[in-house]
Structure formats: C-alpha cells, structure tokens
PDB file of N, CA and C in Angstrom:
ATOM      1  N   MET A   1      28.051  -1.996   0.103  1.00  0.00           N
ATOM      2  CA  MET A   1      28.702  -3.272   0.351  1.00  0.00           C
ATOM      3  C   MET A   1      29.093  -3.348   1.820  1.00  0.00           C
ATOM      4  N   PRO A   2      29.116  -4.556   2.390  1.00  0.00           N
ATOM      5  CA  PRO A   2      29.539  -4.707   3.784  1.00  0.00           C
ATOM      6  C   PRO A   2      31.012  -4.326   3.951  1.00  0.00           C
ATOM      7  N   LEU A   3      31.342  -3.851   5.114  1.00  0.00           N
ATOM      8  CA  LEU A   3      32.706  -3.420   5.403  1.00  0.00           C
ATOM      9  C   LEU A   3      33.717  -4.543   5.196  1.00  0.00           C
ATOM     10  N   ILE A   4      33.330  -5.788   5.426  1.00  0.00           N
ATOM     11  CA  ILE A   4      34.272  -6.908   5.291  1.00  0.00           C
ATOM     12  C   ILE A   4      34.729  -7.116   3.854  1.00  0.00           C
ATOM     13  N   LEU A   5      34.008  -6.556   2.864  1.00  0.00           N
ATOM     14  CA  LEU A   5      34.387  -6.689   1.465  1.00  0.00           C
ATOM     15  C   LEU A   5      35.152  -5.478   0.937  1.00  0.00           C
ATOM     16  N   ALA A   6      35.319  -4.450   1.743  1.00  0.00           N
ATOM     17  CA  ALA A   6      35.981  -3.214   1.310  1.00  0.00           C
ATOM     18  C   ALA A   6      37.500  -3.387   1.271  1.00  0.00           C
ATOM     19  N   ASN A   7      38.151  -2.521   0.510  1.00  0.00           N
ATOM     20  CA  ASN A   7      39.606  -2.552   0.376  1.00  0.00           C
ATOM     21  C   ASN A   7      40.278  -1.834   1.533  1.00  0.00           C
ATOM     22  N   ARG A   8      41.448  -2.335   1.905  1.00  0.00           N
ATOM     23  CA  ARG A   8      42.225  -1.734   2.986  1.00  0.00           C
ATOM     24  C   ARG A   8      42.836  -0.417   2.526  1.00  0.00           C
ATOM     25  N   GLY A   9      42.851   0.583   3.410  1.00  0.00           N
ATOM     26  CA  GLY A   9      43.494   1.856   3.137  1.00  0.00           C
ATOM     27  C   GLY A   9      42.638   2.875   2.410  1.00  0.00           C
ATOM     28  N   GLN A  10      41.437   2.510   2.031  1.00  0.00           N
ATOM     29  CA  GLN A  10      40.557   3.407   1.281  1.00  0.00           C
ATOM     30  C   GLN A  10      39.579   4.085   2.237  1.00  0.00           C
ATOM     31  N   ASN A  11      39.405   5.411   2.099  1.00  0.00           N
ATOM     32  CA  ASN A  11      38.420   6.135   2.899  1.00  0.00           C
ATOM     33  C   ASN A  11      37.024   5.815   2.389  1.00  0.00           C
ATOM     34  N   MET A  12      36.115   5.506   3.307  1.00  0.00           N
ATOM     35  CA  MET A  12      34.741   5.161   2.947  1.00  0.00           C
ATOM     36  C   MET A  12      33.785   5.854   3.898  1.00  0.00           C
ATOM     37  N   PHE A  13      32.557   6.040   3.450  1.00  0.00           N
ATOM     38  CA  PHE A  13      31.505   6.606   4.288  1.00  0.00           C
ATOM     39  C   PHE A  13      30.549   5.495   4.704  1.00  0.00           C
ATOM     40  N   ILE A  14      30.090   5.548   5.936  1.00  0.00           N
ATOM     41  CA  ILE A  14      29.111   4.580   6.416  1.00  0.00           C
ATOM     42  C   ILE A  14      27.751   4.985   5.857  1.00  0.00           C
ATOM     43  N   LYS A  15      27.110   4.066   5.160  1.00  0.00           N
ATOM     44  CA  LYS A  15      25.796   4.334   4.568  1.00  0.00           C
ATOM     45  C   LYS A  15      24.668   3.809   5.438  1.00  0.00           C
ATOM     46  N   ARG A  16      24.910   2.683   6.101  1.00  0.00           N
ATOM     47  CA  ARG A  16      23.858   2.071   6.911  1.00  0.00           C
ATOM     48  C   ARG A  16      24.492   1.125   7.914  1.00  0.00           C
ATOM     49  N   ILE A  17      23.818   0.936   9.045  1.00  0.00           N
ATOM     50  CA  ILE A  17      24.255  -0.040  10.038  1.00  0.00           C
ATOM     51  C   ILE A  17      23.072  -0.949  10.311  1.00  0.00           C
ATOM     52  N   SER A  18      23.242  -2.241  10.064  1.00  0.00           N
ATOM     53  CA  SER A  18      22.159  -3.202  10.270  1.00  0.00           C
ATOM     54  C   SER A  18      22.325  -3.884  11.618  1.00  0.00           C
ATOM     55  N   GLY A  19      21.319  -4.650  11.983  1.00  0.00           N
ATOM     56  CA  GLY A  19      21.357  -5.358  13.258  1.00  0.00           C
ATOM     57  C   GLY A  19      20.272  -4.868  14.185  1.00  0.00           C
ATOM     58  N   ASN A  20      20.192  -5.470  15.363  1.00  0.00           N
ATOM     59  CA  ASN A  20      19.172  -5.052  16.322  1.00  0.00           C
ATOM     60  C   ASN A  20      19.584  -3.751  17.015  1.00  0.00           C
ATOM     61  N   ASP A  21      18.689  -3.210  17.816  1.00  0.00           N
ATOM     62  CA  ASP A  21      18.945  -1.919  18.473  1.00  0.00           C
ATOM     63  C   ASP A  21      20.181  -1.950  19.359  1.00  0.00           C
ATOM     64  N   GLN A  22      20.392  -3.037  20.073  1.00  0.00           N
ATOM     65  CA  GLN A  22      21.543  -3.142  20.966  1.00  0.00           C
ATOM     66  C   GLN A  22      22.848  -3.100  20.174  1.00  0.00           C
ATOM     67  N   THR A  23      22.894  -3.795  19.058  1.00  0.00           N
ATOM     68  CA  THR A  23      24.090  -3.808  18.212  1.00  0.00           C
ATOM     69  C   THR A  23      24.358  -2.430  17.636  1.00  0.00           C
ATOM     70  N   ARG A  24      23.328  -1.769  17.146  1.00  0.00           N
ATOM     71  CA  ARG A  24      23.501  -0.422  16.574  1.00  0.00           C
ATOM     72  C   ARG A  24      23.947   0.577  17.628  1.00  0.00           C
ATOM     73  N   ARG A  25      23.411   0.461  18.852  1.00  0.00           N
ATOM     74  CA  ARG A  25      23.848   1.356  19.933  1.00  0.00           C
ATOM     75  C   ARG A  25      25.302   1.115  20.302  1.00  0.00           C
ATOM     76  N   PHE A  26      25.709  -0.160  20.328  1.00  0.00           N
ATOM     77  CA  PHE A  26      27.098  -0.495  20.636  1.00  0.00           C
ATOM     78  C   PHE A  26      28.037   0.100  19.594  1.00  0.00           C
ATOM     79  N   LEU A  27      27.726  -0.097  18.307  1.00  0.00           N
ATOM     80  CA  LEU A  27      28.572   0.448  17.244  1.00  0.00           C
ATOM     81  C   LEU A  27      28.564   1.972  17.267  1.00  0.00           C
ATOM     82  N   SER A  28      27.427   2.562  17.591  1.00  0.00           N
ATOM     83  CA  SER A  28      27.344   4.019  17.688  1.00  0.00           C
ATOM     84  C   SER A  28      28.227   4.548  18.818  1.00  0.00           C
ATOM     85  N   SER A  29      28.290   3.822  19.928  1.00  0.00           N
ATOM     86  CA  SER A  29      29.129   4.246  21.048  1.00  0.00           C
ATOM     87  C   SER A  29      30.617   4.192  20.704  1.00  0.00           C
ATOM     88  N   LEU A  30      30.972   3.355  19.710  1.00  0.00           N
ATOM     89  CA  LEU A  30      32.360   3.270  19.259  1.00  0.00           C
ATOM     90  C   LEU A  30      32.688   4.318  18.192  1.00  0.00           C
ATOM     91  N   GLY A  31      31.656   5.035  17.702  1.00  0.00           N
ATOM     92  CA  GLY A  31      31.876   6.072  16.701  1.00  0.00           C
ATOM     93  C   GLY A  31      31.384   5.720  15.315  1.00  0.00           C
ATOM     94  N   PHE A  32      30.793   4.551  15.149  1.00  0.00           N
ATOM     95  CA  PHE A  32      30.285   4.131  13.846  1.00  0.00           C
ATOM     96  C   PHE A  32      28.880   4.690  13.656  1.00  0.00           C
ATOM     97  N   ILE A  33      28.805   5.856  13.002  1.00  0.00           N
ATOM     98  CA  ILE A  33      27.556   6.579  12.786  1.00  0.00           C
ATOM     99  C   ILE A  33      27.399   6.795  11.291  1.00  0.00           C
ATOM    100  N   VAL A  34      26.161   6.724  10.798  1.00  0.00           N
ATOM    101  CA  VAL A  34      25.892   6.926   9.376  1.00  0.00           C
ATOM    102  C   VAL A  34      26.456   8.280   8.944  1.00  0.00           C
ATOM    103  N   GLY A  35      27.222   8.273   7.850  1.00  0.00           N
ATOM    104  CA  GLY A  35      27.843   9.482   7.320  1.00  0.00           C
ATOM    105  C   GLY A  35      29.281   9.677   7.759  1.00  0.00           C
ATOM    106  N   GLU A  36      29.734   8.919   8.732  1.00  0.00           N
ATOM    107  CA  GLU A  36      31.107   9.041   9.250  1.00  0.00           C
ATOM    108  C   GLU A  36      32.092   8.411   8.270  1.00  0.00           C
ATOM    109  N   THR A  37      33.283   9.001   8.153  1.00  0.00           N
ATOM    110  CA  THR A  37      34.347   8.466   7.311  1.00  0.00           C
ATOM    111  C   THR A  37      35.159   7.449   8.110  1.00  0.00           C
ATOM    112  N   ILE A  38      35.415   6.287   7.498  1.00  0.00           N
ATOM    113  CA  ILE A  38      36.213   5.250   8.149  1.00  0.00           C
ATOM    114  C   ILE A  38      37.252   4.722   7.170  1.00  0.00           C
ATOM    115  N   THR A  39      38.322   4.133   7.720  1.00  0.00           N
ATOM    116  CA  THR A  39      39.389   3.541   6.916  1.00  0.00           C
ATOM    117  C   THR A  39      39.796   2.217   7.551  1.00  0.00           C
ATOM    118  N   ILE A  40      39.940   1.190   6.739  1.00  0.00           N
ATOM    119  CA  ILE A  40      40.418  -0.098   7.238  1.00  0.00           C
ATOM    120  C   ILE A  40      41.939  -0.028   7.317  1.00  0.00           C
ATOM    121  N   ILE A  41      42.481  -0.228   8.508  1.00  0.00           N
ATOM    122  CA  ILE A  41      43.923  -0.199   8.722  1.00  0.00           C
ATOM    123  C   ILE A  41      44.531  -1.560   8.409  1.00  0.00           C
ATOM    124  N   SER A  42      43.945  -2.631   8.964  1.00  0.00           N
ATOM    125  CA  SER A  42      44.444  -3.979   8.687  1.00  0.00           C
ATOM    126  C   SER A  42      43.333  -4.994   8.885  1.00  0.00           C
ATOM    127  N   GLU A  43      43.580  -6.193   8.341  1.00  0.00           N
ATOM    128  CA  GLU A  43      42.617  -7.287   8.456  1.00  0.00           C
ATOM    129  C   GLU A  43      43.384  -8.590   8.596  1.00  0.00           C
ATOM    130  N   ILE A  44      43.037  -9.339   9.629  1.00  0.00           N
ATOM    131  CA  ILE A  44      43.679 -10.630   9.868  1.00  0.00           C
ATOM    132  C   ILE A  44      42.588 -11.639  10.203  1.00  0.00           C
ATOM    133  N   GLY A  45      42.407 -12.615   9.349  1.00  0.00           N
ATOM    134  CA  GLY A  45      41.429 -13.667   9.595  1.00  0.00           C
ATOM    135  C   GLY A  45      40.006 -13.170   9.710  1.00  0.00           C
ATOM    136  N   GLY A  46      39.669 -12.105   9.009  1.00  0.00           N
ATOM    137  CA  GLY A  46      38.323 -11.550   9.072  1.00  0.00           C
ATOM    138  C   GLY A  46      38.149 -10.497  10.144  1.00  0.00           C
ATOM    139  N   ASN A  47      39.023 -10.466  11.132  1.00  0.00           N
ATOM    140  CA  ASN A  47      38.975  -9.419  12.155  1.00  0.00           C
ATOM    141  C   ASN A  47      39.655  -8.174  11.612  1.00  0.00           C
ATOM    142  N   MET A  48      39.111  -7.008  11.935  1.00  0.00           N
ATOM    143  CA  MET A  48      39.595  -5.774  11.321  1.00  0.00           C
ATOM    144  C   MET A  48      39.968  -4.727  12.357  1.00  0.00           C
ATOM    145  N   ILE A  49      40.971  -3.921  11.994  1.00  0.00           N
ATOM    146  CA  ILE A  49      41.290  -2.718  12.753  1.00  0.00           C
ATOM    147  C   ILE A  49      40.887  -1.551  11.863  1.00  0.00           C
ATOM    148  N   ILE A  50      40.010  -0.700  12.385  1.00  0.00           N
ATOM    149  CA  ILE A  50      39.398   0.360  11.602  1.00  0.00           C
ATOM    150  C   ILE A  50      39.660   1.698  12.260  1.00  0.00           C
ATOM    151  N   ASN A  51      39.997   2.681  11.449  1.00  0.00           N
ATOM    152  CA  ASN A  51      40.196   4.040  11.931  1.00  0.00           C
ATOM    153  C   ASN A  51      38.873   4.789  11.787  1.00  0.00           C
ATOM    154  N   VAL A  52      38.309   5.228  12.909  1.00  0.00           N
ATOM    155  CA  VAL A  52      37.066   5.987  12.913  1.00  0.00           C
ATOM    156  C   VAL A  52      37.217   7.125  13.917  1.00  0.00           C
ATOM    157  N   LYS A  53      36.938   8.333  13.498  1.00  0.00           N
ATOM    158  CA  LYS A  53      37.066   9.522  14.352  1.00  0.00           C
ATOM    159  C   LYS A  53      38.445   9.603  14.999  1.00  0.00           C
ATOM    160  N   ASP A  54      39.495   9.403  14.215  1.00  0.00           N
ATOM    161  CA  ASP A  54      40.883   9.461  14.676  1.00  0.00           C
ATOM    162  C   ASP A  54      41.189   8.482  15.808  1.00  0.00           C
ATOM    163  N   THR A  55      40.451   7.368  15.854  1.00  0.00           N
ATOM    164  CA  THR A  55      40.663   6.325  16.845  1.00  0.00           C
ATOM    165  C   THR A  55      40.688   4.982  16.133  1.00  0.00           C
ATOM    166  N   ARG A  56      41.537   4.092  16.571  1.00  0.00           N
ATOM    167  CA  ARG A  56      41.579   2.745  15.988  1.00  0.00           C
ATOM    168  C   ARG A  56      40.728   1.813  16.828  1.00  0.00           C
ATOM    169  N   VAL A  57      39.832   1.097  16.133  1.00  0.00           N
ATOM    170  CA  VAL A  57      38.906   0.193  16.794  1.00  0.00           C
ATOM    171  C   VAL A  57      39.029  -1.180  16.142  1.00  0.00           C
ATOM    172  N   ALA A  58      39.065  -2.234  16.948  1.00  0.00           N
ATOM    173  CA  ALA A  58      39.108  -3.602  16.429  1.00  0.00           C
ATOM    174  C   ALA A  58      37.696  -4.183  16.462  1.00  0.00           C
ATOM    175  N   LEU A  59      37.280  -4.763  15.326  1.00  0.00           N
ATOM    176  CA  LEU A  59      35.973  -5.413  15.227  1.00  0.00           C
ATOM    177  C   LEU A  59      36.144  -6.817  14.677  1.00  0.00           C
ATOM    178  N   ASP A  60      35.316  -7.734  15.162  1.00  0.00           N
ATOM    179  CA  ASP A  60      35.331  -9.067  14.581  1.00  0.00           C
ATOM    180  C   ASP A  60      34.504  -9.085  13.299  1.00  0.00           C
ATOM    181  N   LYS A  61      34.578 -10.181  12.589  1.00  0.00           N
ATOM    182  CA  LYS A  61      33.952 -10.288  11.276  1.00  0.00           C
ATOM    183  C   LYS A  61      32.437 -10.092  11.338  1.00  0.00           C
ATOM    184  N   SER A  62      31.785 -10.602  12.379  1.00  0.00           N
ATOM    185  CA  SER A  62      30.328 -10.491  12.465  1.00  0.00           C
ATOM    186  C   SER A  62      29.886  -9.045  12.681  1.00  0.00           C
ATOM    187  N   MET A  63      30.616  -8.282  13.480  1.00  0.00           N
ATOM    188  CA  MET A  63      30.272  -6.869  13.680  1.00  0.00           C
ATOM    189  C   MET A  63      30.583  -6.053  12.442  1.00  0.00           C
ATOM    190  N   ALA A  64      31.707  -6.311  11.809  1.00  0.00           N
ATOM    191  CA  ALA A  64      32.089  -5.571  10.610  1.00  0.00           C
ATOM    192  C   ALA A  64      31.113  -5.800   9.459  1.00  0.00           C
ATOM    193  N   SER A  65      30.521  -6.981   9.409  1.00  0.00           N
ATOM    194  CA  SER A  65      29.571  -7.272   8.328  1.00  0.00           C
ATOM    195  C   SER A  65      28.270  -6.494   8.468  1.00  0.00           C
ATOM    196  N   ARG A  66      28.001  -5.944   9.641  1.00  0.00           N
ATOM    197  CA  ARG A  66      26.791  -5.155   9.860  1.00  0.00           C
ATOM    198  C   ARG A  66      26.928  -3.706   9.405  1.00  0.00           C
ATOM    199  N   ILE A  67      28.153  -3.289   9.111  1.00  0.00           N
ATOM    200  CA  ILE A  67      28.397  -1.909   8.683  1.00  0.00           C
ATOM    201  C   ILE A  67      28.431  -1.883   7.154  1.00  0.00           C
ATOM    202  N   ILE A  68      27.529  -1.117   6.557  1.00  0.00           N
ATOM    203  CA  ILE A  68      27.428  -1.009   5.098  1.00  0.00           C
ATOM    204  C   ILE A  68      28.075   0.298   4.667  1.00  0.00           C
ATOM    205  N   VAL A  69      29.037   0.204   3.739  1.00  0.00           N
ATOM    206  CA  VAL A  69      29.757   1.401   3.243  1.00  0.00           C
ATOM    207  C   VAL A  69      29.456   1.621   1.782  1.00  0.00           C
TER     208      VAL A  69
END
C-alpha cells in the first residue's frame, strides 16, 4: 500500500519505490531505500513527517504516494 494510506506510529518496511529515476534517486538520498524501516510521525493535510534512519524527513503527498510499504 502507498505510504499515504499507512497508519501513524506503526513501523513499516519499504517494499518498492515508484517514479522516474530522478525521483527514486532523490528519495534514496533522503534514506528511503527498499527494505528500510520507516515510521510516520505526523500527517497534516496529506504532508507527512517520517522517521527514517533516525532522521525526521518531511514529504509532500505526491512524494509519499510513490513509496510502497
């Protein structure tokens, strides 16, 4: 399921990242790699704050929808 549909506070594993090569490289540079554990900290208006590799990262709804957990 896309990250935007996941529950807040639950640990999840990244199964796939969709999008073009530039988008996947950008998300990879932020720490979003297949197999990595992530947790949604908060969500406001579709924008999310996500804990990945002990770092908090803010993503908008369009980027978060490309991450499949």
